[in-house]
Amino acid sequence: MTAITAVTSQNTTGVNSIISIPPKEISKQIMFTSKDIKPDAIKIGMLHSKKVIDTVIKSLNRIKNNKIIVLDPVMIAKGGAKLIDDNAIKSLKLKLINKMTLITPNIPEAEILTKTKINKKEDMIYAANKLLEIGVKNVLIKGGHLNSKIVQDILVNKSEIKIFNSRRYKTKNTHGTGCTLSSA
């Protein structure tokens, strides 16, 4: 089941345009679909404004799903443009991240959330630990933005650090891979 927060024109190479859905309609979608089938897991993607974030938080509280909640904090377009304003980022950090089972930022998103520059694996681990301090249980920082032949995604929680290594594939069709990973 899906609650649409924005309508986008996009493909595997990037985003062309974004049209916001009114927060009231987002809430209606969440509540109506959850009334029919109780979710065992929830994946949250693009939350482009403080009002949308507040709406999602209220909806989560109303459906009382304390199971698995994954946040892919979509903040930066592939070309580098911010998709979320500073008030929304603040709200995300103060009100939402601590409710998550897992957060899956890419490197630019982790840099914004932690105000940390990430240039190597150790920086990813440091940033992940800063996110754990906010209250999330698990952090998976996606390492595709580092310039290396091996891509390293790093999972950090209070008891372990796990590094997933994969060779880099040469393709321009990478837009959406992070969303796919967080959904899986």
Protein backbone atom coordinates (compact mmCIF):
# COMPACT_ATOMS: atom_id res chain seq x y z
CA MET A 1 0.00 0.00 0.00
CA THR A 2 1.27 3.46 -0.76
CA ALA A 3 0.64 7.01 0.37
CA ILE A 4 1.83 9.46 -2.26
CA THR A 5 3.48 12.62 -0.87
CA ALA A 6 4.38 14.14 -4.24
CA VAL A 7 3.93 13.40 -7.91
CA THR A 8 7.25 13.36 -9.73
CA SER A 9 8.43 13.17 -13.30
CA GLN A 10 11.53 11.00 -13.06
CA ASN A 11 13.43 8.14 -14.61
CA THR A 12 16.65 6.28 -13.86
CA THR A 13 18.75 9.35 -14.71
CA GLY A 14 17.05 11.91 -12.43
CA VAL A 15 14.05 14.03 -11.42
CA ASN A 16 12.47 16.48 -13.85
CA SER A 17 9.67 17.96 -11.69
CA ILE A 18 7.89 17.58 -8.35
CA ILE A 19 4.29 18.48 -7.48
CA SER A 20 3.36 18.36 -3.78
CA ILE A 21 0.28 16.57 -2.47
CA PRO A 22 -1.59 18.51 0.26
CA PRO A 23 -0.78 17.17 3.75
CA LYS A 24 -4.47 16.52 4.51
CA GLU A 25 -4.66 14.17 1.50
CA ILE A 26 -1.47 12.40 2.59
CA SER A 27 -3.01 11.76 6.01
CA LYS A 28 -6.20 10.44 4.40
CA GLN A 29 -4.18 8.01 2.30
CA ILE A 30 -2.22 6.70 5.29
CA MET A 31 -5.24 6.35 7.55
CA PHE A 32 -7.54 4.79 4.95
CA THR A 33 -5.05 2.19 3.72
CA SER A 34 -3.99 1.33 7.29
CA LYS A 35 -7.61 0.84 8.32
CA ASP A 36 -7.98 -1.86 5.66
CA ILE A 37 -4.68 -3.70 6.08
CA LYS A 38 -2.49 -3.13 9.15
CA PRO A 39 1.09 -2.65 7.95
CA ASP A 40 3.79 -4.99 9.25
CA ALA A 41 6.45 -2.57 8.03
CA ILE A 42 6.48 1.02 6.84
CA LYS A 43 8.95 2.63 4.45
CA ILE A 44 9.01 6.42 4.33
CA GLY A 45 10.52 8.26 1.38
CA MET A 46 10.31 11.87 0.28
CA LEU A 47 8.96 14.21 2.93
CA HIS A 48 9.49 17.58 1.28
CA SER A 49 8.12 19.99 3.90
CA LYS A 50 7.66 20.42 7.64
CA LYS A 51 3.88 20.16 7.21
CA VAL A 52 4.24 16.81 5.42
CA ILE A 53 6.61 15.53 8.12
CA ASP A 54 4.21 16.61 10.88
CA THR A 55 1.33 14.94 9.03
CA VAL A 56 3.23 11.66 8.69
CA ILE A 57 4.21 11.72 12.39
CA LYS A 58 0.59 12.28 13.45
CA SER A 59 -0.55 9.48 11.16
CA LEU A 60 2.10 7.08 12.51
CA ASN A 61 0.98 7.88 16.05
CA ARG A 62 -2.66 7.22 15.12
CA ILE A 63 -2.03 3.85 13.46
CA LYS A 64 0.25 2.84 16.34
CA ASN A 65 2.64 0.79 14.26
CA ASN A 66 5.62 0.13 16.46
CA LYS A 67 7.05 -2.55 14.23
CA ILE A 68 9.55 -1.85 11.45
CA ILE A 69 9.75 1.71 10.16
CA VAL A 70 12.40 2.57 7.58
CA LEU A 71 13.20 6.15 6.57
CA ASP A 72 14.97 6.92 3.33
CA PRO A 73 15.53 10.66 3.92
CA VAL A 74 15.27 11.88 0.34
CA MET A 75 16.86 15.34 0.50
CA ILE A 76 19.19 15.81 -2.45
CA ALA A 77 18.51 15.33 -6.14
CA LYS A 78 21.11 13.43 -8.12
CA GLY A 79 22.35 16.72 -9.57
CA GLY A 80 22.92 18.13 -6.07
CA ALA A 81 19.79 20.31 -5.66
CA LYS A 82 18.11 20.24 -2.23
CA LEU A 83 14.60 18.74 -2.34
CA ILE A 84 13.77 19.72 1.26
CA ASP A 85 14.03 23.04 3.11
CA ASP A 86 15.94 23.72 6.34
CA ASN A 87 12.78 23.75 8.53
CA ALA A 88 11.84 20.33 7.22
CA ILE A 89 15.35 19.00 7.92
CA LYS A 90 15.16 20.30 11.49
CA SER A 91 11.74 18.68 11.97
CA LEU A 92 12.99 15.41 10.50
CA LYS A 93 15.89 15.36 12.97
CA LEU A 94 13.94 16.46 16.06
CA LYS A 95 10.63 14.65 15.58
CA LEU A 96 10.92 11.71 13.18
CA ILE A 97 14.35 10.06 13.15
CA ASN A 98 14.03 8.83 16.75
CA LYS A 99 10.91 6.82 15.79
CA MET A 100 12.74 4.85 13.08
CA THR A 101 13.95 1.27 13.10
CA LEU A 102 16.33 2.07 10.24
CA ILE A 103 17.41 5.20 8.39
CA THR A 104 19.12 4.86 4.99
CA PRO A 105 20.74 8.16 3.99
CA ASN A 106 23.18 8.44 1.13
CA ILE A 107 26.38 10.37 1.85
CA PRO A 108 25.08 13.89 0.98
CA GLU A 109 21.99 13.26 3.14
CA ALA A 110 24.10 11.95 6.04
CA GLU A 111 26.30 15.06 5.73
CA ILE A 112 23.25 17.33 6.00
CA LEU A 113 21.73 15.42 8.93
CA THR A 114 24.99 15.32 10.91
CA LYS A 115 26.72 18.50 9.68
CA THR A 116 29.73 16.29 8.99
CA LYS A 117 31.87 16.06 5.85
CA ILE A 118 32.19 12.47 4.61
CA ASN A 119 35.25 11.57 2.53
CA LYS A 120 35.96 7.99 3.58
CA LYS A 121 34.60 4.90 5.33
CA GLU A 122 35.61 6.14 8.80
CA ASP A 123 33.65 9.38 8.22
CA MET A 124 30.58 7.29 7.32
CA ILE A 125 30.87 5.37 10.60
CA TYR A 126 31.30 8.61 12.56
CA ALA A 127 28.21 10.14 10.91
CA ALA A 128 26.20 6.96 11.53
CA ASN A 129 27.07 7.13 15.22
CA LYS A 130 25.91 10.76 15.33
CA LEU A 131 22.56 9.60 13.88
CA LEU A 132 22.34 6.85 16.52
CA GLU A 133 22.68 9.58 19.16
CA ILE A 134 19.49 11.17 17.80
CA GLY A 135 17.63 7.97 18.63
CA VAL A 136 17.38 5.81 15.51
CA LYS A 137 18.12 2.12 16.16
CA ASN A 138 20.03 1.33 12.93
CA VAL A 139 21.76 3.44 10.29
CA LEU A 140 22.69 2.25 6.80
CA ILE A 141 24.74 4.90 5.01
CA LYS A 142 24.83 4.24 1.28
CA GLY A 143 28.34 4.80 -0.02
CA GLY A 144 27.79 5.24 -3.74
CA HIS A 145 28.82 8.90 -3.66
CA LEU A 146 32.41 8.15 -2.67
CA ASN A 147 34.79 7.96 -5.60
CA SER A 148 36.09 4.39 -5.50
CA LYS A 149 35.96 1.16 -7.50
CA ILE A 150 34.34 -0.63 -4.55
CA VAL A 151 31.11 0.80 -3.15
CA GLN A 152 30.78 0.43 0.60
CA ASP A 153 27.42 0.64 2.35
CA ILE A 154 27.82 0.71 6.12
CA LEU A 155 25.28 -0.51 8.68
CA VAL A 156 25.81 0.74 12.22
CA ASN A 157 23.85 0.11 15.41
CA LYS A 158 24.79 0.06 19.09
CA SER A 159 26.21 -3.47 18.89
CA GLU A 160 27.85 -3.76 15.46
CA ILE A 161 29.33 -2.18 12.36
CA LYS A 162 28.80 -4.13 9.15
CA ILE A 163 30.34 -3.14 5.83
CA PHE A 164 28.80 -4.30 2.56
CA ASN A 165 31.26 -4.19 -0.35
CA SER A 166 30.19 -4.25 -3.98
CA ARG A 167 31.98 -3.43 -7.19
CA ARG A 168 30.87 -0.22 -8.90
CA TYR A 169 28.98 -0.57 -12.17
CA LYS A 170 29.52 2.05 -14.87
CA THR A 171 26.06 3.33 -15.76
CA LYS A 172 24.18 6.61 -15.79
CA ASN A 173 21.00 4.79 -14.67
CA THR A 174 21.46 4.97 -10.91
CA HIS A 175 18.59 7.26 -9.90
CA GLY A 176 16.24 5.28 -7.65
CA THR A 177 18.73 2.69 -6.48
CA GLY A 178 18.73 4.04 -2.91
CA CYS A 179 14.94 3.97 -2.79
CA THR A 180 14.97 0.40 -4.02
CA LEU A 181 17.51 -0.58 -1.37
CA SER A 182 15.56 1.03 1.48
CA SER A 183 12.33 -0.59 0.28
CA ALA A 184 14.01 -4.01 0.27
